[in-house]
Amino acid sequence: YMSGPTPPSAPAPAEPDVSARARRLRRVAAGRMAGLRLVLDRLEDSGNRAAVLRSCEAFGLLHVHEIVGLRPSQQPRVAQKVAAAAKHGGNRRMRRGVGNGGEKWLCVHRHETAAACAEALRGAGFRIVATVPPPEGDRSDSWHDARAAADAAMVGERNKALAQLATAKLEDVDFGERVALVLGSERLGISAEMALLCDGAATIPLFGLTESLNVSVAAALVAHYGRLARTRALRERAGEGPRVPEITRDYP
């Protein structure tokens, strides 16, 4: 008996043609960080909001929380800005603005009150940390008085609440646990309502004569530093050491 020639093996199935864009989307999605979040406490400037969201997306965060219910002193001013922005409603370029489309890649959670925001974060296991300016002793009276005069009752109540919190430098915050960093409005900072709900406070050390940072700049700094610090903490906690090349995934 003579056997015939061995039939050729079936060709391996062709790999799917994955575009460069699809590969990039998969890589970025795998590296999203869910255990670090920013909270925007009633921002008044839409340009600042867009810049914050763009920074959050660029540094690989996944979730941003917004408190959108306005304080009475904010309502007339913000209403004017909303009306002005409506004039550009048909202009796609104006709608994209400084955010450059970053918001569509984020999960943006909107809350009417600070209490609702805090409840959602605590339910997800987060520690809520207020970002605050340097200690009062390092600031000039004119800087502090200008803001206190705008809404003295709220600022006084807020300052009392913040005084009860342990304040650390940003680099001393434990990013190994889930952390939500709160950024306040441009004019008055964090609200008294939000301050009462925070578990701690953190400050960005400043080494020059400038006494504060624009909220979008502060957001970029804390998002970037928090991302690096949390990645390092998760790797070390997992026993992988600090030099593992792969991104430590941080799913919701």
Protein backbone atom coordinates (compact mmCIF):
# COMPACT_ATOMS: atom_id res chain seq x y z
CA TYR A 1 0.00 0.00 0.00
CA MET A 2 1.38 3.33 -1.01
CA SER A 3 0.02 6.46 0.49
CA GLY A 4 -0.47 9.53 -1.60
CA PRO A 5 1.22 12.85 -1.03
CA THR A 6 0.37 14.63 2.19
CA PRO A 7 -2.19 17.33 1.46
CA PRO A 8 -1.00 20.84 2.23
CA SER A 9 -2.15 22.19 5.55
CA ALA A 10 -4.83 24.82 5.51
CA PRO A 11 -3.46 28.36 5.59
CA ALA A 12 -3.71 30.16 8.90
CA PRO A 13 -6.53 32.66 9.04
CA ALA A 14 -5.40 36.11 8.08
CA GLU A 15 -4.96 38.60 10.87
CA PRO A 16 -7.68 41.23 10.85
CA ASP A 17 -6.59 44.47 9.25
CA VAL A 18 -6.48 46.79 12.24
CA SER A 19 -5.93 50.41 11.43
CA ALA A 20 -3.38 52.53 13.22
CA ARG A 21 -6.22 54.54 14.73
CA ALA A 22 -7.90 51.41 16.10
CA ARG A 23 -4.61 50.21 17.61
CA ARG A 24 -4.12 53.60 19.25
CA LEU A 25 -7.64 53.61 20.65
CA ARG A 26 -7.16 50.15 22.16
CA ARG A 27 -3.84 51.12 23.70
CA VAL A 28 -5.24 54.33 25.20
CA ALA A 29 -8.37 52.57 26.50
CA ALA A 30 -6.26 49.91 28.22
CA GLY A 31 -4.26 52.59 30.01
CA ARG A 32 -7.15 54.71 31.29
CA MET A 33 -6.90 55.47 35.00
CA ALA A 34 -10.16 55.25 36.91
CA GLY A 35 -8.81 55.46 40.47
CA LEU A 36 -7.83 59.12 40.15
CA ARG A 37 -10.59 61.64 39.48
CA LEU A 38 -10.99 65.40 39.41
CA VAL A 39 -14.02 67.22 40.79
CA LEU A 40 -14.92 70.64 39.37
CA ASP A 41 -16.79 72.65 42.00
CA ARG A 42 -18.92 75.16 40.09
CA LEU A 43 -16.42 76.51 37.58
CA GLU A 44 -17.60 79.75 36.01
CA ASP A 45 -15.49 79.98 32.86
CA SER A 46 -16.31 77.59 30.02
CA GLY A 47 -12.80 78.00 28.61
CA ASN A 48 -11.26 76.86 31.87
CA ARG A 49 -13.64 73.91 32.03
CA ALA A 50 -12.71 72.84 28.51
CA ALA A 51 -9.00 73.15 29.27
CA VAL A 52 -9.39 71.02 32.42
CA LEU A 53 -11.18 68.29 30.49
CA ARG A 54 -8.56 68.36 27.76
CA SER A 55 -5.80 67.89 30.36
CA CYS A 56 -7.68 65.05 32.05
CA GLU A 57 -8.02 63.22 28.74
CA ALA A 58 -4.40 63.89 27.75
CA PHE A 59 -3.09 62.40 31.01
CA GLY A 60 -5.24 59.29 30.72
CA LEU A 61 -7.90 59.89 33.35
CA LEU A 62 -11.32 58.36 32.76
CA HIS A 63 -13.79 60.09 35.10
CA VAL A 64 -14.44 63.76 35.91
CA HIS A 65 -17.16 64.95 38.29
CA GLU A 66 -18.83 68.35 38.04
CA ILE A 67 -20.96 70.17 40.58
CA VAL A 68 -23.18 72.33 38.39
CA GLY A 69 -25.67 73.84 40.84
CA LEU A 70 -24.74 77.52 41.19
CA ARG A 71 -24.44 79.60 44.32
CA PRO A 72 -26.77 82.65 44.33
CA SER A 73 -23.84 85.02 43.85
CA GLN A 74 -22.77 83.09 40.74
CA GLN A 75 -26.08 82.99 38.91
CA PRO A 76 -26.22 86.46 37.26
CA ARG A 77 -22.61 86.32 36.08
CA VAL A 78 -22.77 82.77 34.74
CA ALA A 79 -26.13 83.44 33.05
CA GLN A 80 -24.50 86.25 31.09
CA LYS A 81 -21.69 83.94 29.95
CA VAL A 82 -24.17 81.25 28.90
CA ALA A 83 -26.11 83.79 26.86
CA ALA A 84 -22.93 85.02 25.18
CA ALA A 85 -21.85 81.48 24.37
CA ALA A 86 -25.26 80.76 22.82
CA LYS A 87 -24.48 83.28 20.08
CA HIS A 88 -21.81 80.89 18.84
CA GLY A 89 -24.03 77.83 18.98
CA GLY A 90 -23.91 77.24 15.24
CA ASN A 91 -20.16 77.63 15.01
CA ARG A 92 -18.51 74.22 15.30
CA ARG A 93 -15.13 75.78 15.87
CA MET A 94 -16.40 77.76 18.83
CA ARG A 95 -18.12 74.68 20.26
CA ARG A 96 -14.93 72.65 20.14
CA GLY A 97 -12.98 75.53 21.62
CA VAL A 98 -9.92 74.97 23.74
CA GLY A 99 -11.16 71.51 24.75
CA ASN A 100 -10.28 70.18 21.29
CA GLY A 101 -12.82 67.35 21.58
CA GLY A 102 -11.30 65.84 24.73
CA GLU A 103 -14.60 65.67 26.60
CA LYS A 104 -16.04 62.96 24.33
CA TRP A 105 -13.39 60.50 25.55
CA LEU A 106 -14.22 61.06 29.24
CA CYS A 107 -17.01 59.97 31.55
CA VAL A 108 -18.28 63.31 32.89
CA HIS A 109 -20.60 62.97 35.89
CA ARG A 110 -22.77 66.02 36.65
CA HIS A 111 -24.18 66.66 40.13
CA GLU A 112 -26.52 69.40 41.29
CA THR A 113 -25.04 69.47 44.80
CA ALA A 114 -21.76 68.74 46.54
CA ALA A 115 -23.56 66.19 48.71
CA ALA A 116 -24.67 64.19 45.67
CA CYS A 117 -21.14 64.29 44.27
CA ALA A 118 -19.58 63.14 47.54
CA GLU A 119 -22.11 60.33 47.89
CA ALA A 120 -21.27 59.01 44.42
CA LEU A 121 -17.52 59.17 45.06
CA ARG A 122 -17.67 57.54 48.48
CA GLY A 123 -19.89 54.83 47.06
CA ALA A 124 -17.06 54.07 44.62
CA GLY A 125 -14.49 53.97 47.41
CA PHE A 126 -12.85 57.35 46.93
CA ARG A 127 -11.16 59.66 49.41
CA ILE A 128 -12.08 63.29 48.63
CA VAL A 129 -9.24 65.80 48.84
CA ALA A 130 -9.63 69.56 48.44
CA THR A 131 -6.91 71.38 46.49
CA VAL A 132 -6.19 74.64 48.26
CA PRO A 133 -3.77 77.60 47.95
CA PRO A 134 -0.67 77.80 50.15
CA PRO A 135 -1.18 78.58 53.86
CA GLU A 136 -2.53 82.04 54.67
CA GLY A 137 0.74 83.08 56.26
CA ASP A 138 2.39 82.88 52.85
CA ARG A 139 -0.18 85.09 51.10
CA SER A 140 -0.57 88.83 51.02
CA ASP A 141 -3.59 90.43 52.69
CA SER A 142 -4.74 91.98 49.42
CA TRP A 143 -4.96 88.57 47.72
CA HIS A 144 -7.05 87.08 50.50
CA ASP A 145 -9.25 90.13 51.20
CA ALA A 146 -10.26 90.52 47.55
CA ARG A 147 -11.83 87.08 47.55
CA ALA A 148 -13.28 87.24 51.05
CA ALA A 149 -15.06 90.51 50.25
CA ALA A 150 -16.80 88.95 47.25
CA ASP A 151 -18.78 86.50 49.40
CA ALA A 152 -17.61 86.91 52.99
CA ALA A 153 -20.13 84.56 54.62
CA MET A 154 -19.36 81.63 52.31
CA VAL A 155 -15.60 82.18 52.45
CA GLY A 156 -15.64 82.34 56.25
CA GLU A 157 -17.63 79.11 56.55
CA ARG A 158 -15.42 77.42 53.95
CA ASN A 159 -12.22 78.48 55.70
CA LYS A 160 -13.47 77.07 59.00
CA ALA A 161 -14.19 73.74 57.32
CA LEU A 162 -10.78 73.64 55.63
CA ALA A 163 -9.05 74.48 58.91
CA GLN A 164 -10.36 71.18 60.31
CA LEU A 165 -8.73 69.17 57.55
CA ALA A 166 -5.21 67.79 57.55
CA THR A 167 -3.39 69.59 54.73
CA ALA A 168 -0.49 67.95 52.89
CA LYS A 169 1.69 68.87 49.97
CA LEU A 170 0.60 67.21 46.75
CA GLU A 171 3.62 64.91 46.77
CA ASP A 172 2.64 63.61 50.21
CA VAL A 173 -0.86 62.49 49.18
CA ASP A 174 -1.27 58.70 49.11
CA PHE A 175 -2.28 58.02 45.52
CA GLY A 176 -2.19 54.30 46.19
CA GLU A 177 -5.77 54.66 47.39
CA ARG A 178 -8.58 55.99 45.23
CA VAL A 179 -8.41 59.78 45.33
CA ALA A 180 -10.74 62.49 44.01
CA LEU A 181 -9.12 65.94 43.91
CA VAL A 182 -11.51 68.90 44.14
CA LEU A 183 -10.85 72.14 42.23
CA GLY A 184 -12.90 75.21 43.12
CA SER A 185 -14.27 78.10 41.10
CA GLU A 186 -11.97 80.75 39.68
CA ARG A 187 -13.16 83.55 41.94
CA LEU A 188 -13.96 81.93 45.29
CA GLY A 189 -12.35 78.51 45.20
CA ILE A 190 -13.97 75.45 46.78
CA SER A 191 -17.44 76.00 48.21
CA ALA A 192 -18.20 75.69 51.91
CA GLU A 193 -20.60 72.84 51.12
CA MET A 194 -17.84 70.86 49.38
CA ALA A 195 -15.19 71.69 52.00
CA LEU A 196 -17.36 70.19 54.73
CA LEU A 197 -17.47 66.91 52.80
CA CYS A 198 -13.75 66.56 52.08
CA ASP A 199 -11.53 64.06 53.89
CA GLY A 200 -8.35 66.09 53.59
CA ALA A 201 -6.66 68.90 51.68
CA ALA A 202 -3.62 69.22 49.44
CA THR A 203 -1.66 72.17 48.17
CA ILE A 204 0.61 72.67 45.17
CA PRO A 205 3.85 74.19 46.50
CA LEU A 206 4.66 77.54 44.86
CA PHE A 207 8.20 78.90 44.91
CA GLY A 208 7.76 82.33 43.35
CA LEU A 209 5.84 85.47 44.23
CA THR A 210 2.71 84.37 42.34
CA GLU A 211 0.14 83.39 44.96
CA SER A 212 -2.19 81.19 42.95
CA LEU A 213 -2.55 79.30 39.69
CA ASN A 214 -5.29 79.36 37.09
CA VAL A 215 -7.65 76.48 37.78
CA SER A 216 -6.89 74.83 34.43
CA VAL A 217 -3.15 74.97 35.15
CA ALA A 218 -3.67 73.53 38.63
CA ALA A 219 -5.80 70.76 37.14
CA ALA A 220 -3.10 69.83 34.64
CA LEU A 221 -0.48 69.69 37.39
CA VAL A 222 -2.48 67.50 39.76
CA ALA A 223 -3.66 65.21 36.96
CA HIS A 224 -0.14 64.69 35.67
CA TYR A 225 1.48 64.22 39.07
CA GLY A 226 -1.40 62.09 40.35
CA ARG A 227 -1.20 59.84 37.30
CA LEU A 228 2.52 59.19 37.79
CA ALA A 229 2.22 58.77 41.56
CA ARG A 230 -0.72 56.36 41.35
CA THR A 231 0.95 54.25 38.65
CA ARG A 232 4.07 54.00 40.80
CA ALA A 233 2.07 53.16 43.93
CA LEU A 234 0.06 50.44 42.20
CA ARG A 235 3.19 48.81 40.76
CA GLU A 236 4.98 48.81 44.08
CA ARG A 237 1.90 47.55 45.91
CA ALA A 238 1.65 44.67 43.45
CA GLY A 239 5.27 43.79 44.12
CA GLU A 240 6.32 44.40 40.54
CA GLY A 241 8.96 46.99 41.36
CA PRO A 242 9.26 50.50 39.98
CA ARG A 243 10.73 49.60 36.56
CA VAL A 244 8.02 47.48 35.00
CA PRO A 245 7.57 48.86 31.45
CA GLU A 246 3.88 48.05 31.06
CA ILE A 247 1.21 50.44 32.25
CA THR A 248 -0.52 49.23 35.41
CA ARG A 249 -4.18 49.01 34.44
CA ASP A 250 -6.60 50.74 36.72
CA TYR A 251 -10.12 49.74 35.78
CA PRO A 252 -13.28 51.26 37.30
